[in-house]
Amino acid sequence: MSVPRLVIAAPSSRSGKTTVATGLMAAFAARGLAVSPHKVGPDYIDPGYHALATGRVGRNLDAYLCGPELVGPLFLHGARGCDIAVVEGVMGMYDGAAGEGELASTAHVAKLLRAPVVLVVDAASQSRSVAALVHGFVSFDPEVRVGGVILNKVASDRHEALLREALEQVGVPVLGVLRRAPQVDTPSRHLGLVPVAERRGEAVEAVAAMAAQVSAGCDLEALAGLARSAGALSCAAWDAAEVVSSPTHHATRSAEGSTPRVAVAGGSAFTFSYAEHAELLAAAGAEVVPFDPLRDEDLPEGTSGLVIGGGFPEVYAAELSANEPLRKAVAVLAESGAPVAAECAGLLYLCRELDGLPMCGVLDAGARMTERLTLGYRDAVAVGDSVLAAAGTRLRGHEFHRTAVEPGSGADPAWGFRTPPRRVEGFVHRGVHASYLHTHWAAEPGVARRFVERCRTS
C-alpha cells in the first residue's frame, strides 16, 4: 500500500514545524485532497491543530512507545482512504529518546515510512550559513532523504535572494519561503501550545492563517510531487479488531453476552488521548461514551468502567472541584470496584485535592503544581495485577507534567520504572489503576481487552 507522504522536520524546536505542517495540511485539504495528519512522538496537542486543518483525527507515530515495527502499520491505519499524508516531526530532526541513538527521532520515523523529508529552517538570523546548516543535515545520515527546504521567518526579498543563492551550492531545492507572520503564532504555557479545545475560535483562525501563509509561500505542486516519490510500504495497516481478538476474548464475550459502557473523560480539562485507545476498547466489545467533567454532573447512565486520560486539570481545578455531583459519582463508581484507568491528569482528578481544592477523593493523596518539569520516556513494568495489566507486564510510557502527588505511590504501586529515575509510581486500589505514565495501548492491546473483560465481570 502506498500513500503519498511527507515528513516535516527541522534542525531544532521552534523552527516553524507546526506552522508549516499544519498550514500544509490545511492547504492540501482546501484543494479537495483527503489529508491524513500525523505527529512524531508522544505530543497530544499538535494533533488537535492537525485535526482542525484536515477534518480527520490527528494520530501519533512513536517508535519508542509502540516500537519501530508498529510505525508503518499505524501510519497506514490512519491514512486509509487518504490522498496524501503529512507527518510533523518532533524537536530537531535527529533528536530521539535520550541515550537510545536515533530511536523515535523524526529521522528514524522518516526512514521507517520511506518518506521524503522537508526541512524547515528558521532563517531569521543567517544568510550564507544556511548552506552549511542544510548540508550538515542532508549528509549526516545518507538513509534520510531530504527532498527540499522551506525557509521560515525570512525578512525581505533581499534576504530571500541571499538564502537561495547560498542553497544552490547544496543542491537541495527551496520549496517554500515564509515571511515573519505573528498572526499564525499559537499561545503556549507550561506544557506547550494551548490545546484546541480551550480556544477553538482562535485556533480555527490560526489554522486558516497558517494555510494562507503556506499556500502563498510554498510550491504546493512540487511538495505534492515530492510526496508521491515516497517508497512503498510492505506492511499491512494496523487493525484494532484484529490485534485485540483472542480465543479468550471471544469466549468471554459469548458467555457474558454483554456490551459494557466505558465512559471516557474529555472536554477542555482532559484533551490528551490517543485515538487508538477508544478504537481498541470498542474492538474489545465496549460501548465507548465520552463525557465532560467540566459540564456533566453525572457519569453516563450504565457506566461500568471509566477512563480518564491526560490534560490540564490544574488549569480547571476550580471548575472541576465545583462539579461536586460528578466527583461523588466517580468516587462511588471507584468504591464499587469498577475498573478505572487514570493517566496523569486523571491521577490528579482522583486525588483528595489539587492545589487545595477538593477532587474526587478516590486516592489518599494530594496533588499540587510545582516549578519542576518532569519529562521523559520510561520503560515500565507492572508491579502487581491490575485492571490494565498482569504483574510483570512491560510497557513503555512517557511522563510530562509540572505537578507532584504526595505520596507518589500507594501500598500497591502501578509501575516500577526500569529506566532512570528508577522508582515505583502510581496507585492500584480495588479496580483503580492511576499513574502519571502516559502509555500507548497499541503496543499492548491486551490492556484494552483486559480492561473491558473486567468491566463485564466487576
Protein backbone atom coordinates (compact mmCIF):
# COMPACT_ATOMS: atom_id res chain seq x y z
CA MET A 1 0.00 0.00 0.00
CA SER A 2 1.45 3.38 -0.98
CA VAL A 3 0.14 6.70 0.29
CA PRO A 4 1.93 9.86 -0.89
CA ARG A 5 3.56 11.35 2.19
CA LEU A 6 5.93 13.99 3.52
CA VAL A 7 7.75 14.33 6.82
CA ILE A 8 8.17 17.92 8.03
CA ALA A 9 11.38 18.21 10.06
CA ALA A 10 13.61 20.99 11.40
CA PRO A 11 17.10 21.49 12.84
CA SER A 12 15.60 22.34 16.24
CA SER A 13 12.40 23.08 18.09
CA ARG A 14 10.69 26.43 17.42
CA SER A 15 11.85 26.47 13.80
CA GLY A 16 8.28 26.52 12.49
CA LYS A 17 7.41 22.82 12.03
CA THR A 18 3.90 23.17 13.41
CA THR A 19 3.13 26.23 11.30
CA VAL A 20 4.38 24.58 8.12
CA ALA A 21 2.92 21.12 8.77
CA THR A 22 -0.49 22.39 9.87
CA GLY A 23 -0.60 25.01 7.12
CA LEU A 24 0.37 22.43 4.52
CA MET A 25 -2.32 20.02 5.75
CA ALA A 26 -4.95 22.76 5.53
CA ALA A 27 -3.71 23.96 2.14
CA PHE A 28 -3.89 20.47 0.66
CA ALA A 29 -7.33 19.94 2.21
CA ALA A 30 -8.53 23.21 0.68
CA ARG A 31 -7.59 21.76 -2.71
CA GLY A 32 -10.02 18.92 -2.13
CA LEU A 33 -7.49 16.31 -1.03
CA ALA A 34 -8.19 13.89 1.81
CA VAL A 35 -5.22 14.61 4.08
CA SER A 36 -4.01 12.22 6.79
CA PRO A 37 -2.37 14.11 9.70
CA HIS A 38 0.35 12.59 11.86
CA LYS A 39 2.75 13.69 14.60
CA VAL A 40 6.06 12.08 15.54
CA GLY A 41 6.43 11.44 19.26
CA PRO A 42 4.09 11.49 22.25
CA ASP A 43 2.73 15.03 21.77
CA TYR A 44 -1.06 15.30 22.29
CA ILE A 45 -1.57 18.98 21.47
CA ASP A 46 -0.33 19.41 17.89
CA PRO A 47 -2.66 16.65 16.61
CA GLY A 48 -5.60 18.81 17.74
CA TYR A 49 -4.50 21.55 15.34
CA HIS A 50 -3.90 18.92 12.65
CA ALA A 51 -7.46 17.69 13.10
CA LEU A 52 -8.78 21.23 12.60
CA ALA A 53 -6.73 21.55 9.42
CA THR A 54 -7.84 18.26 7.87
CA GLY A 55 -11.16 17.24 9.41
CA ARG A 56 -9.59 13.91 10.38
CA VAL A 57 -8.27 12.55 13.67
CA GLY A 58 -4.66 13.56 14.32
CA ARG A 59 -2.55 10.50 15.10
CA ASN A 60 0.84 9.94 16.71
CA LEU A 61 3.72 7.84 15.43
CA ASP A 62 6.05 6.99 18.32
CA ALA A 63 8.74 4.39 17.77
CA TYR A 64 9.59 4.32 21.48
CA LEU A 65 6.09 3.86 22.89
CA CYS A 66 4.88 1.45 20.20
CA GLY A 67 8.09 0.02 18.80
CA PRO A 68 9.54 0.65 15.32
CA GLU A 69 7.58 -2.29 13.91
CA LEU A 70 4.24 -0.53 14.51
CA VAL A 71 5.10 2.83 12.93
CA GLY A 72 4.23 1.71 9.40
CA PRO A 73 1.05 -0.18 10.31
CA LEU A 74 -0.26 2.67 12.49
CA PHE A 75 0.52 5.15 9.74
CA LEU A 76 -1.40 3.10 7.16
CA HIS A 77 -4.30 2.74 9.58
CA GLY A 78 -4.59 6.50 9.93
CA ALA A 79 -4.05 7.11 6.22
CA ARG A 80 -6.76 4.72 4.99
CA GLY A 81 -8.68 6.33 2.12
CA CYS A 82 -6.46 9.42 2.02
CA ASP A 83 -4.85 11.11 -0.97
CA ILE A 84 -1.80 12.40 0.89
CA ALA A 85 -0.28 12.34 4.37
CA VAL A 86 1.71 14.98 6.23
CA VAL A 87 3.82 13.93 9.22
CA GLU A 88 5.02 16.64 11.60
CA GLY A 89 8.34 15.82 13.25
CA VAL A 90 9.48 16.34 16.83
CA MET A 91 12.31 18.54 18.19
CA GLY A 92 15.37 18.57 15.93
CA MET A 93 15.35 16.04 13.11
CA TYR A 94 17.90 13.68 14.70
CA ASP A 95 16.76 14.10 18.32
CA GLY A 96 15.24 10.92 19.74
CA ALA A 97 14.84 9.08 23.02
CA ALA A 98 17.69 10.03 25.35
CA GLY A 99 20.52 7.52 25.23
CA GLU A 100 18.81 5.45 22.52
CA GLY A 101 20.51 6.77 19.40
CA GLU A 102 18.08 7.54 16.60
CA LEU A 103 15.15 5.73 18.24
CA ALA A 104 11.89 7.74 17.99
CA SER A 105 13.53 10.66 16.22
CA THR A 106 11.95 12.31 13.19
CA ALA A 107 14.74 10.88 11.05
CA HIS A 108 14.05 7.38 12.36
CA VAL A 109 10.33 7.62 11.61
CA ALA A 110 11.03 9.06 8.14
CA LYS A 111 13.19 6.03 7.37
CA LEU A 112 10.58 3.61 8.72
CA LEU A 113 7.97 5.29 6.49
CA ARG A 114 10.34 5.50 3.49
CA ALA A 115 9.20 9.12 3.27
CA PRO A 116 10.98 12.18 1.89
CA VAL A 117 11.76 14.93 4.38
CA VAL A 118 11.13 18.65 4.03
CA LEU A 119 13.48 20.61 6.29
CA VAL A 120 12.02 23.79 7.82
CA VAL A 121 14.81 26.24 8.62
CA ASP A 122 14.46 29.34 10.79
CA ALA A 123 16.47 31.74 8.64
CA ALA A 124 15.85 34.83 10.76
CA SER A 125 19.47 35.40 11.76
CA GLN A 126 21.52 33.93 8.94
CA SER A 127 22.24 34.15 5.24
CA ARG A 128 25.08 32.12 3.67
CA SER A 129 25.42 29.98 6.80
CA VAL A 130 22.13 28.34 5.90
CA ALA A 131 24.00 26.31 3.27
CA ALA A 132 26.33 24.79 5.88
CA LEU A 133 23.40 24.03 8.15
CA VAL A 134 21.36 22.30 5.45
CA HIS A 135 24.40 20.45 4.11
CA GLY A 136 25.05 19.04 7.58
CA PHE A 137 21.50 17.77 7.99
CA VAL A 138 21.43 16.30 4.47
CA SER A 139 24.73 14.45 4.82
CA PHE A 140 24.53 13.32 8.46
CA ASP A 141 22.54 10.17 7.63
CA PRO A 142 22.54 9.15 3.95
CA GLU A 143 19.46 6.97 4.56
CA VAL A 144 17.37 10.07 5.28
CA ARG A 145 16.24 11.70 2.04
CA VAL A 146 15.86 15.45 2.41
CA GLY A 147 13.86 16.41 -0.67
CA GLY A 148 13.60 20.14 -0.09
CA VAL A 149 13.83 23.09 2.25
CA ILE A 150 11.24 25.60 3.43
CA LEU A 151 12.78 28.83 4.71
CA ASN A 152 10.91 30.37 7.61
CA LYS A 153 10.99 33.89 9.09
CA VAL A 154 12.61 35.42 6.03
CA ALA A 155 12.87 39.20 6.47
CA SER A 156 12.81 40.59 2.92
CA ASP A 157 13.24 39.91 -0.79
CA ARG A 158 16.96 40.68 -0.43
CA HIS A 159 17.26 38.21 2.46
CA GLU A 160 15.47 35.57 0.39
CA ALA A 161 17.81 36.11 -2.56
CA LEU A 162 20.88 35.63 -0.35
CA LEU A 163 19.46 32.42 1.13
CA ARG A 164 18.53 30.97 -2.24
CA GLU A 165 21.97 31.78 -3.66
CA ALA A 166 23.68 30.04 -0.75
CA LEU A 167 21.50 26.94 -1.02
CA GLU A 168 22.27 26.47 -4.72
CA GLN A 169 25.64 25.08 -3.59
CA VAL A 170 23.94 22.32 -1.58
CA GLY A 171 21.67 21.09 -4.35
CA VAL A 172 18.55 20.91 -2.19
CA PRO A 173 15.60 22.73 -3.75
CA VAL A 174 13.84 25.56 -1.92
CA LEU A 175 10.18 24.53 -1.85
CA GLY A 176 8.89 27.50 0.09
CA VAL A 177 9.71 30.82 1.68
CA LEU A 178 7.66 32.18 4.58
CA ARG A 179 7.87 35.72 5.85
CA ARG A 180 7.61 36.60 9.51
CA ALA A 181 3.92 36.47 10.41
CA PRO A 182 2.95 36.86 14.08
CA GLN A 183 -0.73 36.23 13.30
CA VAL A 184 -0.04 32.50 12.90
CA ASP A 185 1.55 32.17 16.33
CA THR A 186 -0.30 29.98 18.80
CA PRO A 187 -0.13 30.69 22.55
CA SER A 188 1.91 28.48 24.83
CA ARG A 189 2.09 27.80 28.55
CA HIS A 190 3.81 25.39 30.94
CA LEU A 191 3.41 22.21 28.81
CA GLY A 192 3.47 23.67 25.28
CA LEU A 193 0.75 25.02 23.00
CA VAL A 194 -2.68 25.72 24.41
CA PRO A 195 -4.96 22.87 23.20
CA VAL A 196 -7.58 23.49 20.53
CA ALA A 197 -10.40 22.56 22.91
CA GLU A 198 -9.59 25.61 25.06
CA ARG A 199 -9.51 28.17 22.24
CA ARG A 200 -11.42 26.72 19.33
CA GLY A 201 -12.42 30.01 17.71
CA GLU A 202 -8.91 31.45 17.84
CA ALA A 203 -7.44 28.09 16.80
CA VAL A 204 -9.62 27.99 13.67
CA GLU A 205 -8.36 31.48 12.77
CA ALA A 206 -4.75 30.48 13.43
CA VAL A 207 -5.03 27.39 11.23
CA ALA A 208 -6.60 29.47 8.46
CA ALA A 209 -3.71 31.94 8.72
CA MET A 210 -1.18 29.09 8.53
CA ALA A 211 -2.90 27.72 5.45
CA ALA A 212 -2.89 31.12 3.76
CA GLN A 213 0.78 31.68 4.53
CA VAL A 214 1.83 28.23 3.30
CA SER A 215 -0.33 28.48 0.17
CA ALA A 216 1.19 31.86 -0.70
CA GLY A 217 4.79 30.98 0.12
CA CYS A 218 5.19 27.33 -0.85
CA ASP A 219 5.19 25.39 -4.10
CA LEU A 220 2.30 23.03 -3.35
CA GLU A 221 2.64 21.21 -6.67
CA ALA A 222 6.30 20.47 -6.02
CA LEU A 223 5.53 19.35 -2.46
CA ALA A 224 2.78 17.04 -3.66
CA GLY A 225 5.14 15.64 -6.29
CA LEU A 226 7.77 15.01 -3.63
CA ALA A 227 5.15 13.21 -1.50
CA ARG A 228 4.37 10.91 -4.44
CA SER A 229 8.02 9.84 -4.55
CA ALA A 230 7.76 8.06 -1.19
CA GLY A 231 8.67 4.39 -1.29
CA ALA A 232 6.06 1.65 -0.97
CA LEU A 233 5.47 0.11 2.44
CA SER A 234 5.32 -3.68 2.64
CA CYS A 235 3.45 -3.87 5.95
CA ALA A 236 -0.31 -4.12 6.45
CA ALA A 237 -2.43 -1.46 8.10
CA TRP A 238 -2.98 -1.83 11.84
CA ASP A 239 -6.48 -3.04 12.71
CA ALA A 240 -7.90 -2.74 16.24
CA ALA A 241 -10.31 -5.65 15.84
CA GLU A 242 -7.56 -7.92 14.59
CA VAL A 243 -5.00 -7.15 17.29
CA VAL A 244 -7.45 -7.23 20.20
CA SER A 245 -9.10 -10.52 19.27
CA SER A 246 -8.21 -13.73 21.06
CA PRO A 247 -9.96 -17.05 21.81
CA THR A 248 -10.34 -15.97 25.44
CA HIS A 249 -11.88 -12.66 24.42
CA HIS A 250 -14.44 -14.29 22.14
CA ALA A 251 -15.35 -16.91 24.73
CA THR A 252 -15.84 -14.30 27.44
CA ARG A 253 -17.94 -12.11 25.22
CA SER A 254 -20.16 -15.02 24.16
CA ALA A 255 -20.58 -16.21 27.72
CA GLU A 256 -21.42 -12.81 29.14
CA GLY A 257 -23.32 -11.56 26.10
CA SER A 258 -22.91 -8.01 27.37
CA THR A 259 -21.61 -4.74 25.98
CA PRO A 260 -20.17 -2.77 28.89
CA ARG A 261 -20.31 1.03 28.76
CA VAL A 262 -16.91 2.65 29.21
CA ALA A 263 -17.07 6.36 29.99
CA VAL A 264 -14.10 8.33 28.62
CA ALA A 265 -13.36 11.80 30.03
CA GLY A 266 -12.99 14.61 27.53
CA GLY A 267 -13.69 18.32 27.26
CA SER A 268 -11.20 21.12 27.83
CA ALA A 269 -9.68 19.63 31.01
CA PHE A 270 -8.93 16.18 29.56
CA THR A 271 -7.70 16.59 25.98
CA PHE A 272 -4.80 14.11 25.99
CA SER A 273 -5.71 10.77 24.45
CA TYR A 274 -4.64 8.56 21.60
CA ALA A 275 -7.43 7.71 19.14
CA GLU A 276 -6.35 4.08 19.12
CA HIS A 277 -7.38 3.67 22.79
CA ALA A 278 -11.07 4.23 22.07
CA GLU A 279 -10.77 2.06 18.96
CA LEU A 280 -9.26 -0.78 20.97
CA LEU A 281 -11.91 -0.51 23.69
CA ALA A 282 -14.64 -0.66 21.04
CA ALA A 283 -12.93 -3.59 19.30
CA ALA A 284 -12.79 -5.42 22.65
CA GLY A 285 -16.56 -5.14 22.85
CA ALA A 286 -17.18 -1.96 24.85
CA GLU A 287 -19.53 0.89 24.09
CA VAL A 288 -17.33 3.97 24.40
CA VAL A 289 -19.22 7.01 25.73
CA PRO A 290 -17.47 10.39 26.06
CA PHE A 291 -18.36 12.84 28.84
CA ASP A 292 -17.08 16.24 30.02
CA PRO A 293 -16.17 16.52 33.73
CA LEU A 294 -16.48 20.29 33.48
CA ARG A 295 -20.13 20.16 32.41
CA ASP A 296 -21.70 16.76 33.11
CA GLU A 297 -22.96 16.29 36.66
CA ASP A 298 -23.17 12.51 36.39
CA LEU A 299 -21.42 9.71 34.61
CA PRO A 300 -23.16 8.32 31.52
CA GLU A 301 -26.06 6.06 32.50
CA GLY A 302 -24.97 2.45 32.93
CA THR A 303 -21.24 3.21 33.18
CA SER A 304 -19.33 0.07 34.11
CA GLY A 305 -15.79 1.36 33.51
CA LEU A 306 -14.06 4.75 33.45
CA VAL A 307 -11.04 6.06 31.52
CA ILE A 308 -9.61 9.46 32.46
CA GLY A 309 -6.67 10.49 30.31
CA GLY A 310 -4.29 13.42 30.44
CA GLY A 311 -4.81 17.13 30.07
CA PHE A 312 -4.77 20.24 32.19
CA PRO A 313 -6.86 19.72 35.34
CA GLU A 314 -4.62 22.24 37.12
CA VAL A 315 -5.95 24.95 34.80
CA TYR A 316 -9.54 23.94 35.54
CA ALA A 317 -9.14 22.87 39.17
CA ALA A 318 -11.78 25.31 40.44
CA GLU A 319 -14.37 24.20 37.87
CA LEU A 320 -13.65 20.51 38.40
CA SER A 321 -13.90 20.96 42.15
CA ALA A 322 -17.16 22.90 41.83
CA ASN A 323 -18.77 19.96 39.99
CA GLU A 324 -19.37 18.10 43.25
CA PRO A 325 -22.08 15.75 41.91
CA LEU A 326 -19.71 14.28 39.34
CA ARG A 327 -16.85 13.99 41.83
CA LYS A 328 -19.14 11.99 44.09
CA ALA A 329 -20.31 9.81 41.18
CA VAL A 330 -16.70 8.98 40.29
CA ALA A 331 -15.93 8.14 43.92
CA VAL A 332 -18.98 5.86 44.16
CA LEU A 333 -18.03 4.06 40.95
CA ALA A 334 -14.47 3.53 42.14
CA GLU A 335 -15.65 2.37 45.58
CA SER A 336 -17.81 -0.26 43.88
CA GLY A 337 -14.69 -1.87 42.42
CA ALA A 338 -15.49 -0.93 38.82
CA PRO A 339 -12.44 -0.60 36.54
CA VAL A 340 -10.99 2.92 36.47
CA ALA A 341 -7.90 3.78 34.39
CA ALA A 342 -6.40 7.22 35.03
CA GLU A 343 -3.31 8.77 33.45
CA CYS A 344 -1.58 11.96 34.63
CA ALA A 345 -4.46 14.46 34.70
CA GLY A 346 -6.75 11.58 35.60
CA LEU A 347 -4.46 10.74 38.51
CA LEU A 348 -4.74 14.31 39.82
CA TYR A 349 -8.53 14.25 39.48
CA LEU A 350 -8.75 11.10 41.61
CA CYS A 351 -6.69 12.62 44.44
CA ARG A 352 -8.13 14.15 47.62
CA GLU A 353 -7.24 17.63 46.47
CA LEU A 354 -5.41 19.62 43.80
CA ASP A 355 -3.79 22.86 44.91
CA GLY A 356 -6.02 22.84 47.98
CA LEU A 357 -9.27 22.28 46.06
CA PRO A 358 -11.29 19.11 46.67
CA MET A 359 -11.14 16.48 43.93
CA CYS A 360 -12.73 13.02 43.82
CA GLY A 361 -11.02 11.61 46.90
CA VAL A 362 -10.61 8.16 45.39
CA LEU A 363 -6.89 8.13 46.27
CA ASP A 364 -5.43 9.04 49.65
CA ALA A 365 -3.02 11.52 48.09
CA GLY A 366 -2.74 15.25 47.45
CA ALA A 367 -1.60 16.99 44.27
CA ARG A 368 -0.09 20.40 43.61
CA MET A 369 1.52 22.46 40.89
CA THR A 370 5.33 22.75 41.00
CA GLU A 371 8.04 24.69 39.19
CA ARG A 372 9.79 21.46 38.17
CA LEU A 373 9.08 19.86 34.82
CA THR A 374 9.12 16.06 34.81
CA LEU A 375 9.68 14.91 31.24
CA GLY A 376 10.92 11.79 29.53
CA TYR A 377 10.34 8.31 28.22
CA ARG A 378 10.07 5.48 30.74
CA ASP A 379 10.48 1.72 30.49
CA ALA A 380 7.97 0.36 33.00
CA VAL A 381 6.87 -2.96 34.43
CA ALA A 382 3.56 -3.65 36.19
CA VAL A 383 4.37 -4.22 39.87
CA GLY A 384 1.22 -6.24 40.54
CA ASP A 385 -2.02 -7.33 38.91
CA SER A 386 -4.49 -4.59 37.96
CA VAL A 387 -7.43 -3.95 35.67
CA LEU A 388 -4.94 -2.97 32.96
CA ALA A 389 -2.11 -5.47 33.22
CA ALA A 390 -0.90 -8.63 34.88
CA ALA A 391 2.13 -8.39 37.15
CA GLY A 392 5.32 -8.34 35.11
CA THR A 393 3.76 -6.78 32.01
CA ARG A 394 6.22 -4.39 30.38
CA LEU A 395 5.10 -1.18 28.73
CA ARG A 396 6.96 1.88 27.58
CA GLY A 397 5.49 5.22 28.52
CA HIS A 398 6.07 8.94 28.75
CA GLU A 399 5.93 11.40 31.66
CA PHE A 400 5.16 15.08 31.07
CA HIS A 401 3.92 17.22 33.95
CA ARG A 402 4.61 20.13 36.29
CA THR A 403 2.71 18.70 39.22
CA ALA A 404 3.55 16.45 42.13
CA VAL A 405 1.47 13.90 44.03
CA GLU A 406 2.20 13.07 47.68
CA PRO A 407 2.72 10.23 48.27
CA GLY A 408 3.98 9.33 44.80
CA SER A 409 2.75 5.76 45.08
CA GLY A 410 0.34 3.70 47.11
CA ALA A 411 0.74 0.48 49.05
CA ASP A 412 0.26 -1.25 45.70
CA PRO A 413 2.11 0.82 43.06
CA ALA A 414 1.10 0.80 39.42
CA TRP A 415 4.54 0.72 37.80
CA GLY A 416 8.18 0.14 38.51
CA PHE A 417 10.48 2.14 36.23
CA ARG A 418 13.35 0.20 34.69
CA THR A 419 14.96 3.37 33.33
CA PRO A 420 16.31 6.25 35.46
CA PRO A 421 14.96 7.63 37.67
CA ARG A 422 14.29 4.09 38.96
CA ARG A 423 11.32 4.11 41.31
CA VAL A 424 7.85 2.74 41.85
CA GLU A 425 4.98 5.02 40.90
CA GLY A 426 1.22 5.25 40.83
CA PHE A 427 -1.66 3.52 42.59
CA VAL A 428 -3.56 0.25 42.23
CA HIS A 429 -6.56 0.17 44.56
CA ARG A 430 -9.59 -2.06 44.05
CA GLY A 431 -10.40 -1.54 40.36
CA VAL A 432 -8.39 1.69 40.08
CA HIS A 433 -5.16 1.99 38.11
CA ALA A 434 -3.81 5.56 38.40
CA SER A 435 -0.41 6.79 37.29
CA TYR A 436 1.47 9.72 35.79
CA LEU A 437 2.63 7.45 32.97
CA HIS A 438 1.11 8.01 29.52
CA THR A 439 1.07 4.75 27.56
CA HIS A 440 0.01 3.81 24.04
CA TRP A 441 -2.22 0.76 24.17
CA ALA A 442 -1.46 -0.22 20.57
CA ALA A 443 1.86 -1.51 21.94
CA GLU A 444 -0.01 -3.96 24.19
CA PRO A 445 -3.61 -4.48 23.00
CA GLY A 446 -4.16 -6.87 25.88
CA VAL A 447 -4.53 -3.78 28.09
CA ALA A 448 -7.81 -2.83 26.40
CA ARG A 449 -9.02 -6.44 26.27
CA ARG A 450 -8.30 -6.96 29.98
CA PHE A 451 -9.99 -3.67 30.94
CA VAL A 452 -13.18 -4.48 29.02
CA GLU A 453 -13.31 -8.02 30.43
CA ARG A 454 -13.06 -6.59 33.95
CA CYS A 455 -15.89 -4.18 33.09
CA ARG A 456 -18.05 -7.20 32.23
CA THR A 457 -17.28 -9.11 35.41
CA SER A 458 -16.92 -6.40 38.06
